[in-house]
Amino acid sequence: MLIKALTFQPALWKKLPSCPGHRHFWGWLNSVFNKVDYERIKSVGPDRAASEWLLRCGAFVRYHGFDKWQQDYNGLPTGPLGKYKIQAINATESCIMYRGFDYLDGLEYLEEIRLCKCIYIQDECLQRLSQTPNLQKTLQRLWIISCGNVTDQGIVALHQLSNLKYLFLSDLPGIKEKEATTQILQKSLPTLKVELDLE
């Protein structure tokens, strides 16, 4: 019961005391949340399966044609398969990690992603985003804020997102060559607007 309750109440995680044993437990649990269930993707479709993964990890989703953000796992909409297509992801303070990114492969309407204070986001995650064929066509806006494991290498890897129009970078201590990194990106993506809030 405890794990079930915490699975759908990510805000409770922050209230627990921090110690090495707890960090190990939460790291293990977060890894479980990110395990990809390929049978589930086949049975309910990529958007529903990705929604379940994202909300389980504490992220929010917004569907194509809707203004409201979906935050409640238990309130995920039902209806015909394929009716609800993910258009935006807000992963602020979520536990999404690389191993779960296979859930993004089938998303055909995803236009924006916010990665803010995501402790498991690292360069490999950004490389994975950039190499996802559907996202190369659809992703237009990306925010990366306070993700301490992201470096210049991860940002440069975004150059394959050929439809990316807006990139906001803030509080990323791993970025050491912001001018050079920005120039590389803008050479590959001439229409990209990059906003920086980096020291």
C-alpha atoms as a PDB file:
ATOM      1  CA  MET A   1       0.000   0.000   0.000  1.00  0.00           C
ATOM      2  CA  LEU A   2       2.814   2.414   0.880  1.00  0.00           C
ATOM      3  CA  ILE A   3       4.514   2.001  -2.481  1.00  0.00           C
ATOM      4  CA  LYS A   4       1.183   2.353  -4.301  1.00  0.00           C
ATOM      5  CA  ALA A   5       0.392   5.546  -2.404  1.00  0.00           C
ATOM      6  CA  LEU A   6       3.809   7.038  -3.048  1.00  0.00           C
ATOM      7  CA  THR A   7       3.716   6.026  -6.695  1.00  0.00           C
ATOM      8  CA  PHE A   8       0.888   8.456  -7.309  1.00  0.00           C
ATOM      9  CA  GLN A   9       1.989  11.124  -4.821  1.00  0.00           C
ATOM     10  CA  PRO A  10       5.478  12.261  -5.953  1.00  0.00           C
ATOM     11  CA  ALA A  11       5.240  15.379  -3.769  1.00  0.00           C
ATOM     12  CA  LEU A  12       5.442  13.147  -0.691  1.00  0.00           C
ATOM     13  CA  TRP A  13       8.919  11.977  -1.688  1.00  0.00           C
ATOM     14  CA  LYS A  14      10.410  15.350  -0.848  1.00  0.00           C
ATOM     15  CA  LYS A  15       9.131  15.170   2.740  1.00  0.00           C
ATOM     16  CA  LEU A  16      11.066  12.063   3.639  1.00  0.00           C
ATOM     17  CA  PRO A  17      14.384  12.412   5.479  1.00  0.00           C
ATOM     18  CA  SER A  18      17.505  12.294   3.353  1.00  0.00           C
ATOM     19  CA  CYS A  19      20.165   9.724   4.160  1.00  0.00           C
ATOM     20  CA  PRO A  20      22.253   7.308   2.073  1.00  0.00           C
ATOM     21  CA  GLY A  21      19.837   4.414   2.693  1.00  0.00           C
ATOM     22  CA  HIS A  22      16.829   6.440   1.609  1.00  0.00           C
ATOM     23  CA  ARG A  23      18.652   7.734  -1.477  1.00  0.00           C
ATOM     24  CA  HIS A  24      19.498   4.168  -2.486  1.00  0.00           C
ATOM     25  CA  PHE A  25      15.884   3.061  -1.976  1.00  0.00           C
ATOM     26  CA  TRP A  26      14.451   5.985  -3.973  1.00  0.00           C
ATOM     27  CA  GLY A  27      17.012   5.490  -6.719  1.00  0.00           C
ATOM     28  CA  TRP A  28      15.922   1.860  -6.991  1.00  0.00           C
ATOM     29  CA  LEU A  29      12.219   2.787  -6.936  1.00  0.00           C
ATOM     30  CA  ASN A  30      12.702   5.495  -9.570  1.00  0.00           C
ATOM     31  CA  SER A  31      14.496   2.961 -11.732  1.00  0.00           C
ATOM     32  CA  VAL A  32      11.482   0.651 -11.421  1.00  0.00           C
ATOM     33  CA  PHE A  33       9.161   3.512 -12.445  1.00  0.00           C
ATOM     34  CA  ASN A  34      11.266   4.026 -15.585  1.00  0.00           C
ATOM     35  CA  LYS A  35      11.288   0.408 -16.719  1.00  0.00           C
ATOM     36  CA  VAL A  36       9.701   0.211 -20.172  1.00  0.00           C
ATOM     37  CA  ASP A  37       6.729  -2.131 -20.578  1.00  0.00           C
ATOM     38  CA  TYR A  38       6.696  -2.847 -24.313  1.00  0.00           C
ATOM     39  CA  GLU A  39       3.579  -5.019 -24.045  1.00  0.00           C
ATOM     40  CA  ARG A  40       1.754  -2.112 -22.438  1.00  0.00           C
ATOM     41  CA  ILE A  41       2.779   0.170 -25.318  1.00  0.00           C
ATOM     42  CA  LYS A  42       1.341  -2.368 -27.789  1.00  0.00           C
ATOM     43  CA  SER A  43      -1.901  -2.853 -25.897  1.00  0.00           C
ATOM     44  CA  VAL A  44      -2.824   0.772 -25.069  1.00  0.00           C
ATOM     45  CA  GLY A  45      -0.798   2.743 -27.622  1.00  0.00           C
ATOM     46  CA  PRO A  46       2.304   4.909 -27.247  1.00  0.00           C
ATOM     47  CA  ASP A  47       0.595   8.053 -25.930  1.00  0.00           C
ATOM     48  CA  ARG A  48      -1.325   6.313 -23.150  1.00  0.00           C
ATOM     49  CA  ALA A  49       1.717   4.243 -22.123  1.00  0.00           C
ATOM     50  CA  ALA A  50       3.962   7.325 -22.157  1.00  0.00           C
ATOM     51  CA  SER A  51       1.372   9.245 -20.109  1.00  0.00           C
ATOM     52  CA  GLU A  52       1.377   6.511 -17.481  1.00  0.00           C
ATOM     53  CA  TRP A  53       5.178   6.516 -17.350  1.00  0.00           C
ATOM     54  CA  LEU A  54       5.445  10.296 -17.096  1.00  0.00           C
ATOM     55  CA  LEU A  55       2.792  10.735 -14.408  1.00  0.00           C
ATOM     56  CA  ARG A  56       4.172   7.777 -12.464  1.00  0.00           C
ATOM     57  CA  CYS A  57       7.492   9.648 -12.411  1.00  0.00           C
ATOM     58  CA  GLY A  58       5.931  12.944 -11.297  1.00  0.00           C
ATOM     59  CA  ALA A  59       5.740  14.725 -14.672  1.00  0.00           C
ATOM     60  CA  PHE A  60       2.675  16.350 -16.269  1.00  0.00           C
ATOM     61  CA  VAL A  61       1.350  16.017 -19.808  1.00  0.00           C
ATOM     62  CA  ARG A  62      -0.898  18.125 -22.013  1.00  0.00           C
ATOM     63  CA  TYR A  63      -2.790  16.586 -24.892  1.00  0.00           C
ATOM     64  CA  HIS A  64      -3.221  17.889 -28.416  1.00  0.00           C
ATOM     65  CA  GLY A  65      -6.359  20.038 -28.551  1.00  0.00           C
ATOM     66  CA  PHE A  66      -6.580  20.491 -24.764  1.00  0.00           C
ATOM     67  CA  ASP A  67      -5.434  23.371 -22.527  1.00  0.00           C
ATOM     68  CA  LYS A  68      -5.416  21.546 -19.199  1.00  0.00           C
ATOM     69  CA  TRP A  69      -2.341  19.770 -17.881  1.00  0.00           C
ATOM     70  CA  GLN A  70      -2.936  16.172 -16.809  1.00  0.00           C
ATOM     71  CA  GLN A  71      -1.373  15.709 -13.360  1.00  0.00           C
ATOM     72  CA  ASP A  72      -3.359  12.908 -11.735  1.00  0.00           C
ATOM     73  CA  TYR A  73      -2.371   9.376 -12.670  1.00  0.00           C
ATOM     74  CA  ASN A  74      -5.715   8.029 -11.472  1.00  0.00           C
ATOM     75  CA  GLY A  75      -7.518  10.659 -13.564  1.00  0.00           C
ATOM     76  CA  LEU A  76      -5.932   9.758 -16.887  1.00  0.00           C
ATOM     77  CA  PRO A  77      -8.607  10.073 -19.567  1.00  0.00           C
ATOM     78  CA  THR A  78     -10.187   6.980 -21.022  1.00  0.00           C
ATOM     79  CA  GLY A  79     -11.699   6.613 -24.425  1.00  0.00           C
ATOM     80  CA  PRO A  80     -10.817   5.251 -27.837  1.00  0.00           C
ATOM     81  CA  LEU A  81      -7.174   4.323 -28.281  1.00  0.00           C
ATOM     82  CA  GLY A  82      -5.326   7.149 -29.961  1.00  0.00           C
ATOM     83  CA  LYS A  83      -7.767   9.893 -28.964  1.00  0.00           C
ATOM     84  CA  TYR A  84      -5.358  11.610 -26.548  1.00  0.00           C
ATOM     85  CA  LYS A  85      -2.044  12.545 -28.160  1.00  0.00           C
ATOM     86  CA  ILE A  86       0.700  14.076 -26.005  1.00  0.00           C
ATOM     87  CA  GLN A  87       1.583  17.571 -27.207  1.00  0.00           C
ATOM     88  CA  ALA A  88       3.622  18.823 -24.218  1.00  0.00           C
ATOM     89  CA  ILE A  89       5.547  17.379 -21.287  1.00  0.00           C
ATOM     90  CA  ASN A  90       6.436  19.242 -18.114  1.00  0.00           C
ATOM     91  CA  ALA A  91       8.953  17.065 -16.282  1.00  0.00           C
ATOM     92  CA  THR A  92       9.785  19.588 -13.538  1.00  0.00           C
ATOM     93  CA  GLU A  93      11.272  17.789 -10.508  1.00  0.00           C
ATOM     94  CA  SER A  94      10.302  14.428 -11.964  1.00  0.00           C
ATOM     95  CA  CYS A  95      12.329  11.230 -11.762  1.00  0.00           C
ATOM     96  CA  ILE A  96      12.341  10.460 -15.495  1.00  0.00           C
ATOM     97  CA  MET A  97      15.584   8.855 -16.597  1.00  0.00           C
ATOM     98  CA  TYR A  98      17.250   7.501 -19.719  1.00  0.00           C
ATOM     99  CA  ARG A  99      15.930   3.952 -19.393  1.00  0.00           C
ATOM    100  CA  GLY A 100      12.344   5.209 -19.791  1.00  0.00           C
ATOM    101  CA  PHE A 101      12.945   7.224 -22.947  1.00  0.00           C
ATOM    102  CA  ASP A 102      11.768   4.382 -25.192  1.00  0.00           C
ATOM    103  CA  TYR A 103       8.270   5.542 -24.237  1.00  0.00           C
ATOM    104  CA  LEU A 104       8.877   8.662 -26.362  1.00  0.00           C
ATOM    105  CA  ASP A 105       9.522   6.783 -29.599  1.00  0.00           C
ATOM    106  CA  GLY A 106       5.896   6.530 -30.709  1.00  0.00           C
ATOM    107  CA  LEU A 107       4.814  10.088 -29.870  1.00  0.00           C
ATOM    108  CA  GLU A 108       3.850  11.879 -33.087  1.00  0.00           C
ATOM    109  CA  TYR A 109       2.468  15.182 -31.741  1.00  0.00           C
ATOM    110  CA  LEU A 110       5.017  16.148 -29.080  1.00  0.00           C
ATOM    111  CA  GLU A 111       5.971  19.815 -29.557  1.00  0.00           C
ATOM    112  CA  GLU A 112       7.455  20.898 -26.227  1.00  0.00           C
ATOM    113  CA  ILE A 113       9.365  19.467 -23.278  1.00  0.00           C
ATOM    114  CA  ARG A 114      10.354  21.152 -20.014  1.00  0.00           C
ATOM    115  CA  LEU A 115      13.222  19.532 -18.128  1.00  0.00           C
ATOM    116  CA  CYS A 116      13.605  21.450 -14.875  1.00  0.00           C
ATOM    117  CA  LYS A 117      15.392  20.170 -11.769  1.00  0.00           C
ATOM    118  CA  CYS A 118      15.510  16.641 -13.158  1.00  0.00           C
ATOM    119  CA  ILE A 119      18.317  14.923 -11.267  1.00  0.00           C
ATOM    120  CA  TYR A 120      18.509  11.957 -13.647  1.00  0.00           C
ATOM    121  CA  ILE A 121      18.686  13.941 -16.889  1.00  0.00           C
ATOM    122  CA  GLN A 122      22.159  13.772 -18.405  1.00  0.00           C
ATOM    123  CA  ASP A 123      23.844  14.121 -21.781  1.00  0.00           C
ATOM    124  CA  GLU A 124      22.764  10.645 -22.895  1.00  0.00           C
ATOM    125  CA  CYS A 125      19.117  11.629 -22.395  1.00  0.00           C
ATOM    126  CA  LEU A 126      19.494  14.658 -24.675  1.00  0.00           C
ATOM    127  CA  GLN A 127      21.306  12.558 -27.263  1.00  0.00           C
ATOM    128  CA  ARG A 128      18.440  10.062 -27.092  1.00  0.00           C
ATOM    129  CA  LEU A 129      15.886  12.859 -27.624  1.00  0.00           C
ATOM    130  CA  SER A 130      17.819  14.130 -30.620  1.00  0.00           C
ATOM    131  CA  GLN A 131      18.014  10.666 -32.201  1.00  0.00           C
ATOM    132  CA  THR A 132      14.286   9.944 -31.916  1.00  0.00           C
ATOM    133  CA  PRO A 133      12.864  10.213 -35.469  1.00  0.00           C
ATOM    134  CA  ASN A 134       9.402  11.444 -34.438  1.00  0.00           C
ATOM    135  CA  LEU A 135      10.876  14.146 -32.214  1.00  0.00           C
ATOM    136  CA  GLN A 136      13.197  15.266 -34.992  1.00  0.00           C
ATOM    137  CA  LYS A 137      10.035  16.162 -36.913  1.00  0.00           C
ATOM    138  CA  THR A 138       7.758  17.509 -34.158  1.00  0.00           C
ATOM    139  CA  LEU A 139       9.710  18.936 -31.206  1.00  0.00           C
ATOM    140  CA  GLN A 140       9.715  22.749 -31.390  1.00  0.00           C
ATOM    141  CA  ARG A 141      10.343  24.048 -27.861  1.00  0.00           C
ATOM    142  CA  LEU A 142      12.702  22.774 -25.181  1.00  0.00           C
ATOM    143  CA  TRP A 143      13.570  24.112 -21.734  1.00  0.00           C
ATOM    144  CA  ILE A 144      16.542  22.693 -19.787  1.00  0.00           C
ATOM    145  CA  ILE A 145      16.838  24.257 -16.326  1.00  0.00           C
ATOM    146  CA  SER A 146      18.833  23.246 -13.249  1.00  0.00           C
ATOM    147  CA  CYS A 147      19.800  19.813 -14.571  1.00  0.00           C
ATOM    148  CA  GLY A 148      23.244  19.436 -13.020  1.00  0.00           C
ATOM    149  CA  ASN A 149      24.400  16.479 -15.126  1.00  0.00           C
ATOM    150  CA  VAL A 150      23.972  18.225 -18.491  1.00  0.00           C
ATOM    151  CA  THR A 151      27.154  19.436 -20.202  1.00  0.00           C
ATOM    152  CA  ASP A 152      28.072  21.116 -23.495  1.00  0.00           C
ATOM    153  CA  GLN A 153      28.166  17.694 -25.137  1.00  0.00           C
ATOM    154  CA  GLY A 154      24.494  17.063 -24.372  1.00  0.00           C
ATOM    155  CA  ILE A 155      23.418  20.478 -25.649  1.00  0.00           C
ATOM    156  CA  VAL A 156      25.397  20.103 -28.889  1.00  0.00           C
ATOM    157  CA  ALA A 157      23.720  16.708 -29.401  1.00  0.00           C
ATOM    158  CA  LEU A 158      20.399  18.506 -29.849  1.00  0.00           C
ATOM    159  CA  HIS A 159      21.446  19.600 -33.348  1.00  0.00           C
ATOM    160  CA  GLN A 160      19.525  16.666 -34.862  1.00  0.00           C
ATOM    161  CA  LEU A 161      16.179  18.121 -33.730  1.00  0.00           C
ATOM    162  CA  SER A 162      15.663  19.750 -37.104  1.00  0.00           C
ATOM    163  CA  ASN A 163      12.314  21.373 -36.244  1.00  0.00           C
ATOM    164  CA  LEU A 164      13.469  22.905 -32.935  1.00  0.00           C
ATOM    165  CA  LYS A 165      12.583  26.619 -32.862  1.00  0.00           C
ATOM    166  CA  TYR A 166      13.210  27.622 -29.230  1.00  0.00           C
ATOM    167  CA  LEU A 167      15.724  26.461 -26.619  1.00  0.00           C
ATOM    168  CA  PHE A 168      15.989  27.917 -23.112  1.00  0.00           C
ATOM    169  CA  LEU A 169      19.015  27.030 -20.969  1.00  0.00           C
ATOM    170  CA  SER A 170      19.371  28.116 -17.350  1.00  0.00           C
ATOM    171  CA  ASP A 171      21.392  27.151 -14.264  1.00  0.00           C
ATOM    172  CA  LEU A 172      23.478  24.470 -15.964  1.00  0.00           C
ATOM    173  CA  PRO A 173      26.893  24.421 -14.253  1.00  0.00           C
ATOM    174  CA  GLY A 174      28.094  21.640 -16.572  1.00  0.00           C
ATOM    175  CA  ILE A 175      28.068  24.000 -19.552  1.00  0.00           C
ATOM    176  CA  LYS A 176      31.540  25.526 -19.752  1.00  0.00           C
ATOM    177  CA  GLU A 177      31.663  26.837 -23.354  1.00  0.00           C
ATOM    178  CA  LYS A 178      28.292  28.522 -23.799  1.00  0.00           C
ATOM    179  CA  GLU A 179      29.262  30.707 -26.768  1.00  0.00           C
ATOM    180  CA  ALA A 180      30.894  27.895 -28.724  1.00  0.00           C
ATOM    181  CA  THR A 181      28.074  25.487 -27.890  1.00  0.00           C
ATOM    182  CA  THR A 182      25.431  27.996 -28.980  1.00  0.00           C
ATOM    183  CA  GLN A 183      27.268  28.715 -32.233  1.00  0.00           C
ATOM    184  CA  ILE A 184      27.459  25.018 -33.104  1.00  0.00           C
ATOM    185  CA  LEU A 185      23.733  24.625 -32.517  1.00  0.00           C
ATOM    186  CA  GLN A 186      22.768  27.705 -34.486  1.00  0.00           C
ATOM    187  CA  LYS A 187      24.958  26.688 -37.399  1.00  0.00           C
ATOM    188  CA  SER A 188      23.047  23.395 -37.614  1.00  0.00           C
ATOM    189  CA  LEU A 189      19.659  24.965 -36.821  1.00  0.00           C
ATOM    190  CA  PRO A 190      19.616  28.487 -38.349  1.00  0.00           C
ATOM    191  CA  THR A 191      16.008  29.215 -37.301  1.00  0.00           C
ATOM    192  CA  LEU A 192      16.601  28.206 -33.664  1.00  0.00           C
ATOM    193  CA  LYS A 193      16.238  30.917 -31.025  1.00  0.00           C
ATOM    194  CA  VAL A 194      18.437  30.198 -27.999  1.00  0.00           C
ATOM    195  CA  GLU A 195      17.935  31.994 -24.694  1.00  0.00           C
ATOM    196  CA  LEU A 196      20.630  31.655 -22.049  1.00  0.00           C
ATOM    197  CA  ASP A 197      20.587  32.328 -18.338  1.00  0.00           C
ATOM    198  CA  LEU A 198      23.973  30.849 -17.540  1.00  0.00           C
ATOM    199  CA  GLU A 199      26.766  32.119 -15.327  1.00  0.00           C
END
